[in-house]
Protein backbone atom coordinates (compact mmCIF):
# COMPACT_ATOMS: atom_id res chain seq x y z
CA MET A 1 10.73 -22.95 -22.59
CA GLU A 2 12.87 -20.94 -20.18
CA ASP A 3 12.41 -17.75 -22.20
CA ALA A 4 8.65 -18.27 -22.30
CA LEU A 5 8.59 -18.68 -18.52
CA ARG A 6 10.65 -15.51 -18.02
CA THR A 7 8.35 -13.58 -20.32
CA ALA A 8 5.24 -14.89 -18.55
CA VAL A 9 6.59 -14.10 -15.08
CA HIS A 10 7.72 -10.67 -16.25
CA ASP A 11 4.21 -9.97 -17.60
CA VAL A 12 2.62 -11.14 -14.35
CA ALA A 13 5.02 -8.94 -12.37
CA LEU A 14 3.99 -5.93 -14.46
CA VAL A 15 0.32 -6.62 -13.78
CA VAL A 16 0.92 -7.05 -10.04
CA GLU A 17 2.94 -3.82 -9.98
CA ALA A 18 0.15 -2.00 -11.82
CA VAL A 19 -2.41 -3.34 -9.31
CA GLY A 20 -0.26 -2.04 -6.45
CA ALA A 21 0.05 1.37 -8.09
CA LEU A 22 -3.70 1.46 -8.72
CA ILE A 23 -4.45 0.63 -5.07
CA ILE A 24 -2.16 3.43 -3.91
CA ALA A 25 -3.67 5.89 -6.42
CA VAL A 26 -7.22 5.04 -5.34
CA GLY A 27 -6.23 5.41 -1.69
CA VAL A 28 -4.65 8.80 -2.33
CA LEU A 29 -7.72 10.00 -4.23
CA LEU A 30 -10.24 8.75 -1.65
CA SER A 31 -8.18 10.11 1.24
CA PHE A 32 -7.86 13.47 -0.50
CA LEU A 33 -11.62 13.62 -1.13
CA ARG A 34 -12.32 12.71 2.49
CA TRP A 35 -9.90 15.38 3.67
CA VAL A 36 -11.51 18.01 1.40
CA ALA A 37 -14.99 17.02 2.65
CA SER A 38 -13.71 17.35 6.20
CA GLU A 39 -12.17 20.76 5.55
CA LEU A 40 -15.39 22.00 3.95
CA ARG A 41 -17.30 20.64 6.96
CA MET A 42 -19.35 18.40 4.68
CA ARG A 43 -18.30 15.29 6.55
CA PRO A 44 -16.67 15.26 9.98
CA SER A 45 -13.35 13.43 9.85
CA GLY A 46 -10.28 14.02 11.90
CA TYR A 47 -6.78 14.27 10.53
CA GLU A 48 -5.89 10.95 12.14
CA ASP A 49 -8.82 9.16 10.48
CA VAL A 50 -7.81 10.42 7.03
CA ARG A 51 -4.19 9.51 7.71
CA LEU A 52 -5.12 5.97 8.79
CA MET A 53 -7.33 5.51 5.76
CA LEU A 54 -4.45 6.48 3.49
CA GLY A 55 -2.10 4.25 5.50
CA ARG A 56 -4.27 1.19 4.88
CA TYR A 57 -4.19 1.76 1.13
CA LEU A 58 -0.45 2.42 1.17
CA ALA A 59 0.26 -0.73 3.14
CA LEU A 60 -1.77 -2.89 0.76
CA GLY A 61 -0.31 -1.25 -2.34
CA LEU A 62 3.22 -1.68 -1.05
CA GLU A 63 2.62 -5.39 -0.47
CA PHE A 64 1.66 -5.75 -4.12
CA GLN A 65 4.70 -3.73 -5.20
CA LEU A 66 7.00 -5.96 -3.15
CA GLY A 67 5.37 -9.06 -4.64
CA ALA A 68 6.02 -7.71 -8.14
CA ASP A 69 9.67 -7.09 -7.26
CA LEU A 70 10.02 -10.64 -5.96
CA LEU A 71 8.48 -12.08 -9.12
CA ALA A 72 10.71 -10.02 -11.39
CA THR A 73 13.85 -11.02 -9.51
CA ALA A 74 12.89 -14.71 -9.27
CA VAL A 75 13.44 -15.29 -12.98
CA SER A 76 16.59 -13.21 -13.50
CA PRO A 77 18.58 -13.36 -10.27
CA SER A 78 21.75 -11.46 -11.14
CA PHE A 79 23.73 -10.06 -8.21
CA ASN A 80 22.81 -6.55 -9.31
CA GLU A 81 19.08 -7.40 -9.35
CA ILE A 82 19.31 -9.17 -5.98
CA GLY A 83 21.03 -6.13 -4.48
CA LYS A 84 18.33 -3.82 -5.85
CA LEU A 85 15.62 -6.14 -4.55
CA GLY A 86 17.24 -6.20 -1.12
CA ALA A 87 17.33 -2.41 -0.94
CA ILE A 88 13.77 -2.01 -2.22
CA ALA A 89 12.45 -4.78 0.03
CA GLY A 90 14.19 -3.25 3.03
CA ILE A 91 12.74 0.20 2.44
CA ARG A 92 9.25 -1.10 1.72
CA THR A 93 9.36 -3.46 4.70
CA LEU A 94 10.35 -0.64 7.04
CA LEU A 95 7.63 1.59 5.66
CA ASN A 96 5.07 -1.20 6.00
CA TYR A 97 6.24 -1.88 9.57
CA PHE A 98 5.69 1.71 10.63
CA LEU A 99 2.32 1.85 8.86
CA ALA A 100 1.31 -1.36 10.64
CA GLN A 101 2.35 0.14 13.98
CA ASP A 102 0.13 3.18 13.35
CA LEU A 103 -2.78 0.96 12.37
CA ALA A 104 -2.28 -1.22 15.45
CA ARG A 105 -2.30 1.85 17.69
CA ALA A 106 -5.52 2.94 16.01
CA ASP A 107 -7.02 -0.52 16.62
CA ALA A 108 -6.03 -0.29 20.28
CA SER A 109 -7.69 3.11 20.59
CA GLY A 110 -10.87 1.82 18.96
CA ARG A 111 -10.61 3.70 15.66
CA GLY A 112 -8.78 1.09 13.59
CA GLY A 113 -11.76 -1.09 12.80
CA LEU A 114 -13.28 1.54 10.55
CA HIS A 115 -13.90 0.71 6.96
CA PRO A 116 -11.77 3.15 4.93
CA THR A 117 -14.86 4.99 3.70
CA ALA A 118 -16.96 4.70 6.88
CA PRO A 119 -17.69 7.83 8.89
CA PRO A 120 -15.92 8.14 12.24
CA PRO A 121 -17.83 6.98 15.33
CA THR A 122 -19.86 9.57 17.17
CA ALA A 123 -19.34 9.98 20.87
């Protein structure tokens, strides 16, 4: 029973980790395409808008990655695994914190409510 539970949780953690990686990959691709469109003057977007779009995807993807790490460590909590989780969680939490600060500043300036694929507001 215990082995079956470990296997199931491990499989779920792999799926959650893959979802997080997919979210980040999609965000990178969409942000890159938006940047290229901006550089070719096909669609007006500022550097900050592209950066914030990518930041939203990174923040969401990192949350999934952290969730996968928590699941994986929950079923095999050796001191080595707990130490690795602590280091990974610390790094990802700091990165998420700074991304959230950037997004909050964008919200305060009126640009943060944009849908990631929406065009920037015209003045």
